[in-house]
Amino acid sequence: MCLSIPGKLIEITAQLDDTFRLGKVSFDGVIKEINLTLVPEAQLDDYVMVHVGAAISIVDEEDAKRTFDILKQLGELDDLHNPFIN
């Protein structure tokens, strides 16, 4: 199953130009470095949907939190805390 997970953009870590950027996204305290190329309009504190290491869209904070809570309840986030999974 393909799954995207909402997280909060907390830092821009690299920026080649306005489009090609990397940033740190927090998933309930688990921080991962994410490619932001597909969401050039994303700004700090925005919530983004992340799929296989790339942010694919910006989402509303309330929707992001609700989705994250549902994924937690379903046990779909168990691998998120695994340091070997990016």
N, C-alpha and C. Protein backbone atom coordinates (compact mmCIF):
# COMPACT_ATOMS: atom_id res chain seq x y z
N MET A 1 0.84 -1.17 0.00
CA MET A 1 0.00 0.00 0.00
C MET A 1 0.89 1.24 0.00
N CYS A 2 0.55 2.22 -0.81
CA CYS A 2 1.26 3.49 -0.82
C CYS A 2 0.65 4.38 0.25
N LEU A 3 1.50 5.05 0.99
CA LEU A 3 1.04 5.83 2.11
C LEU A 3 1.81 7.14 2.16
N SER A 4 1.10 8.24 2.32
CA SER A 4 1.77 9.51 2.60
C SER A 4 1.39 9.91 4.02
N ILE A 5 2.31 10.57 4.67
CA ILE A 5 2.17 10.90 6.08
C ILE A 5 2.30 12.41 6.24
N PRO A 6 1.41 13.04 7.02
CA PRO A 6 1.53 14.48 7.24
C PRO A 6 2.58 14.79 8.30
N GLY A 7 3.32 15.85 8.07
CA GLY A 7 4.31 16.33 9.04
C GLY A 7 4.46 17.83 8.91
N LYS A 8 5.09 18.42 9.92
CA LYS A 8 5.26 19.88 9.98
C LYS A 8 6.67 20.25 9.53
N LEU A 9 6.76 21.16 8.57
CA LEU A 9 8.05 21.65 8.08
C LEU A 9 8.65 22.57 9.14
N ILE A 10 9.79 22.16 9.69
CA ILE A 10 10.37 22.93 10.80
C ILE A 10 11.68 23.63 10.43
N GLU A 11 12.30 23.25 9.31
CA GLU A 11 13.56 23.88 8.93
C GLU A 11 13.85 23.63 7.46
N ILE A 12 14.37 24.65 6.78
CA ILE A 12 14.90 24.48 5.42
C ILE A 12 16.39 24.22 5.60
N THR A 13 16.87 23.08 5.13
CA THR A 13 18.27 22.70 5.36
C THR A 13 19.18 22.94 4.17
N ALA A 14 18.62 23.01 2.98
CA ALA A 14 19.42 23.26 1.77
C ALA A 14 18.51 23.90 0.74
N GLN A 15 19.07 24.87 0.00
CA GLN A 15 18.27 25.54 -1.02
C GLN A 15 19.15 25.94 -2.18
N LEU A 16 18.95 25.24 -3.31
CA LEU A 16 19.67 25.57 -4.53
C LEU A 16 19.07 26.82 -5.17
N ASP A 17 17.74 26.89 -5.19
CA ASP A 17 17.00 28.05 -5.69
C ASP A 17 15.61 28.00 -5.06
N ASP A 18 14.64 28.73 -5.61
CA ASP A 18 13.30 28.77 -5.01
C ASP A 18 12.57 27.44 -5.12
N THR A 19 12.98 26.57 -6.03
CA THR A 19 12.29 25.30 -6.24
C THR A 19 12.99 24.12 -5.57
N PHE A 20 14.28 24.00 -5.75
CA PHE A 20 15.02 22.83 -5.28
C PHE A 20 15.52 23.04 -3.85
N ARG A 21 14.73 22.46 -2.90
CA ARG A 21 15.05 22.63 -1.48
C ARG A 21 14.89 21.31 -0.73
N LEU A 22 15.59 21.23 0.38
CA LEU A 22 15.43 20.14 1.34
C LEU A 22 15.05 20.76 2.67
N GLY A 23 14.32 20.01 3.47
CA GLY A 23 13.95 20.53 4.77
C GLY A 23 13.72 19.43 5.78
N LYS A 24 13.69 19.82 7.05
CA LYS A 24 13.39 18.88 8.12
C LYS A 24 11.90 18.97 8.43
N VAL A 25 11.29 17.80 8.50
CA VAL A 25 9.85 17.70 8.79
C VAL A 25 9.70 16.87 10.05
N SER A 26 8.84 17.36 10.95
CA SER A 26 8.58 16.66 12.20
C SER A 26 7.30 15.84 12.07
N PHE A 27 7.41 14.57 12.39
CA PHE A 27 6.26 13.67 12.44
C PHE A 27 6.06 13.31 13.91
N ASP A 28 5.32 14.14 14.61
CA ASP A 28 5.06 13.90 16.03
C ASP A 28 6.37 13.73 16.81
N GLY A 29 7.37 14.58 16.49
CA GLY A 29 8.64 14.55 17.18
C GLY A 29 9.73 13.75 16.50
N VAL A 30 9.39 12.92 15.54
CA VAL A 30 10.39 12.19 14.76
C VAL A 30 10.76 13.09 13.57
N ILE A 31 12.03 13.46 13.47
CA ILE A 31 12.48 14.41 12.46
C ILE A 31 13.14 13.66 11.30
N LYS A 32 12.71 13.98 10.09
CA LYS A 32 13.29 13.39 8.88
C LYS A 32 13.62 14.51 7.88
N GLU A 33 14.69 14.31 7.10
CA GLU A 33 15.00 15.26 6.03
C GLU A 33 14.19 14.87 4.80
N ILE A 34 13.51 15.85 4.22
CA ILE A 34 12.54 15.63 3.15
C ILE A 34 12.85 16.52 1.96
N ASN A 35 12.66 15.99 0.75
CA ASN A 35 12.80 16.77 -0.47
C ASN A 35 11.54 17.63 -0.64
N LEU A 36 11.73 18.93 -0.87
CA LEU A 36 10.61 19.88 -0.98
C LEU A 36 10.38 20.36 -2.41
N THR A 37 11.01 19.73 -3.39
CA THR A 37 10.94 20.18 -4.78
C THR A 37 9.51 20.26 -5.31
N LEU A 38 8.65 19.32 -4.92
CA LEU A 38 7.28 19.30 -5.45
C LEU A 38 6.36 20.31 -4.77
N VAL A 39 6.84 20.95 -3.71
CA VAL A 39 6.03 21.97 -3.00
C VAL A 39 6.88 23.24 -2.80
N PRO A 40 7.24 23.91 -3.91
CA PRO A 40 8.11 25.08 -3.79
C PRO A 40 7.50 26.21 -2.97
N GLU A 41 6.18 26.20 -2.83
CA GLU A 41 5.49 27.25 -2.07
C GLU A 41 5.46 26.96 -0.57
N ALA A 42 5.90 25.80 -0.14
CA ALA A 42 5.87 25.43 1.28
C ALA A 42 6.80 26.33 2.09
N GLN A 43 6.29 26.76 3.24
CA GLN A 43 7.05 27.62 4.14
C GLN A 43 7.14 26.97 5.51
N LEU A 44 8.04 27.49 6.34
CA LEU A 44 8.18 26.98 7.69
C LEU A 44 6.82 26.96 8.40
N ASP A 45 6.60 25.93 9.17
CA ASP A 45 5.37 25.69 9.94
C ASP A 45 4.19 25.21 9.10
N ASP A 46 4.38 25.06 7.78
CA ASP A 46 3.33 24.43 6.95
C ASP A 46 3.33 22.94 7.24
N TYR A 47 2.18 22.32 7.04
CA TYR A 47 2.06 20.87 7.12
C TYR A 47 2.08 20.33 5.70
N VAL A 48 2.89 19.31 5.49
CA VAL A 48 3.03 18.72 4.16
C VAL A 48 2.76 17.23 4.24
N MET A 49 2.24 16.69 3.15
CA MET A 49 2.08 15.24 3.01
C MET A 49 3.36 14.71 2.40
N VAL A 50 3.95 13.69 3.03
CA VAL A 50 5.24 13.15 2.60
C VAL A 50 5.07 11.71 2.15
N HIS A 51 5.62 11.41 0.98
CA HIS A 51 5.59 10.05 0.43
C HIS A 51 7.01 9.72 -0.03
N VAL A 52 7.55 8.63 0.45
CA VAL A 52 8.90 8.14 0.15
C VAL A 52 9.95 9.26 0.12
N GLY A 53 9.96 10.08 1.15
CA GLY A 53 10.99 11.09 1.31
C GLY A 53 10.77 12.40 0.58
N ALA A 54 9.62 12.57 -0.06
CA ALA A 54 9.33 13.81 -0.77
C ALA A 54 7.98 14.37 -0.33
N ALA A 55 7.96 15.67 -0.07
CA ALA A 55 6.69 16.33 0.21
C ALA A 55 5.92 16.44 -1.10
N ILE A 56 4.66 16.01 -1.10
CA ILE A 56 3.89 16.01 -2.34
C ILE A 56 2.75 17.02 -2.34
N SER A 57 2.40 17.56 -1.17
CA SER A 57 1.37 18.60 -1.12
C SER A 57 1.40 19.28 0.25
N ILE A 58 0.79 20.44 0.30
CA ILE A 58 0.61 21.16 1.55
C ILE A 58 -0.82 20.89 2.01
N VAL A 59 -0.98 20.65 3.32
CA VAL A 59 -2.31 20.36 3.85
C VAL A 59 -2.60 21.26 5.04
N ASP A 60 -3.87 21.40 5.32
CA ASP A 60 -4.35 22.15 6.47
C ASP A 60 -3.89 21.48 7.77
N GLU A 61 -3.52 22.29 8.76
CA GLU A 61 -3.01 21.75 10.03
C GLU A 61 -4.01 20.80 10.69
N GLU A 62 -5.28 21.17 10.72
CA GLU A 62 -6.29 20.33 11.35
C GLU A 62 -6.42 18.99 10.64
N ASP A 63 -6.45 19.02 9.31
CA ASP A 63 -6.52 17.78 8.53
C ASP A 63 -5.28 16.92 8.75
N ALA A 64 -4.11 17.57 8.81
CA ALA A 64 -2.86 16.83 9.02
C ALA A 64 -2.87 16.11 10.37
N LYS A 65 -3.28 16.82 11.40
CA LYS A 65 -3.31 16.21 12.74
C LYS A 65 -4.33 15.09 12.82
N ARG A 66 -5.48 15.28 12.21
CA ARG A 66 -6.52 14.24 12.21
C ARG A 66 -6.02 12.99 11.47
N THR A 67 -5.40 13.19 10.31
CA THR A 67 -4.87 12.07 9.53
C THR A 67 -3.77 11.34 10.31
N PHE A 68 -2.87 12.10 10.94
CA PHE A 68 -1.78 11.49 11.70
C PHE A 68 -2.34 10.65 12.85
N ASP A 69 -3.35 11.18 13.53
CA ASP A 69 -3.96 10.44 14.64
C ASP A 69 -4.60 9.13 14.17
N ILE A 70 -5.26 9.17 13.02
CA ILE A 70 -5.87 7.95 12.47
C ILE A 70 -4.80 6.93 12.11
N LEU A 71 -3.71 7.39 11.48
CA LEU A 71 -2.62 6.49 11.13
C LEU A 71 -2.00 5.86 12.37
N LYS A 72 -1.88 6.64 13.45
CA LYS A 72 -1.37 6.10 14.72
C LYS A 72 -2.28 5.00 15.25
N GLN A 73 -3.58 5.26 15.23
CA GLN A 73 -4.55 4.29 15.74
C GLN A 73 -4.51 2.99 14.94
N LEU A 74 -4.26 3.10 13.65
CA LEU A 74 -4.20 1.93 12.78
C LEU A 74 -2.86 1.20 12.85
N GLY A 75 -1.90 1.76 13.57
CA GLY A 75 -0.59 1.14 13.67
C GLY A 75 0.26 1.31 12.43
N GLU A 76 -0.09 2.26 11.57
CA GLU A 76 0.63 2.45 10.31
C GLU A 76 1.92 3.23 10.48
N LEU A 77 2.20 3.74 11.68
CA LEU A 77 3.38 4.56 11.89
C LEU A 77 4.47 3.85 12.67
N ASP A 78 4.32 2.55 12.86
CA ASP A 78 5.29 1.80 13.66
C ASP A 78 6.71 1.93 13.12
N ASP A 79 6.88 1.95 11.82
CA ASP A 79 8.21 2.03 11.21
C ASP A 79 8.79 3.44 11.24
N LEU A 80 7.96 4.44 11.54
CA LEU A 80 8.42 5.83 11.54
C LEU A 80 9.55 6.05 12.53
N HIS A 81 9.54 5.35 13.65
CA HIS A 81 10.57 5.52 14.67
C HIS A 81 11.81 4.67 14.41
N ASN A 82 11.78 3.87 13.35
CA ASN A 82 12.91 3.03 13.00
C ASN A 82 13.99 3.91 12.35
N PRO A 83 15.21 4.02 12.95
CA PRO A 83 16.25 4.89 12.41
C PRO A 83 16.77 4.46 11.04
N PHE A 84 16.46 3.25 10.61
CA PHE A 84 16.94 2.77 9.32
C PHE A 84 15.98 3.06 8.17
N ILE A 85 14.82 3.64 8.49
CA ILE A 85 13.85 3.98 7.47
C ILE A 85 13.85 5.49 7.29
N ASN A 86 14.07 5.96 6.08
CA ASN A 86 14.08 7.40 5.81
C ASN A 86 12.74 7.91 5.45
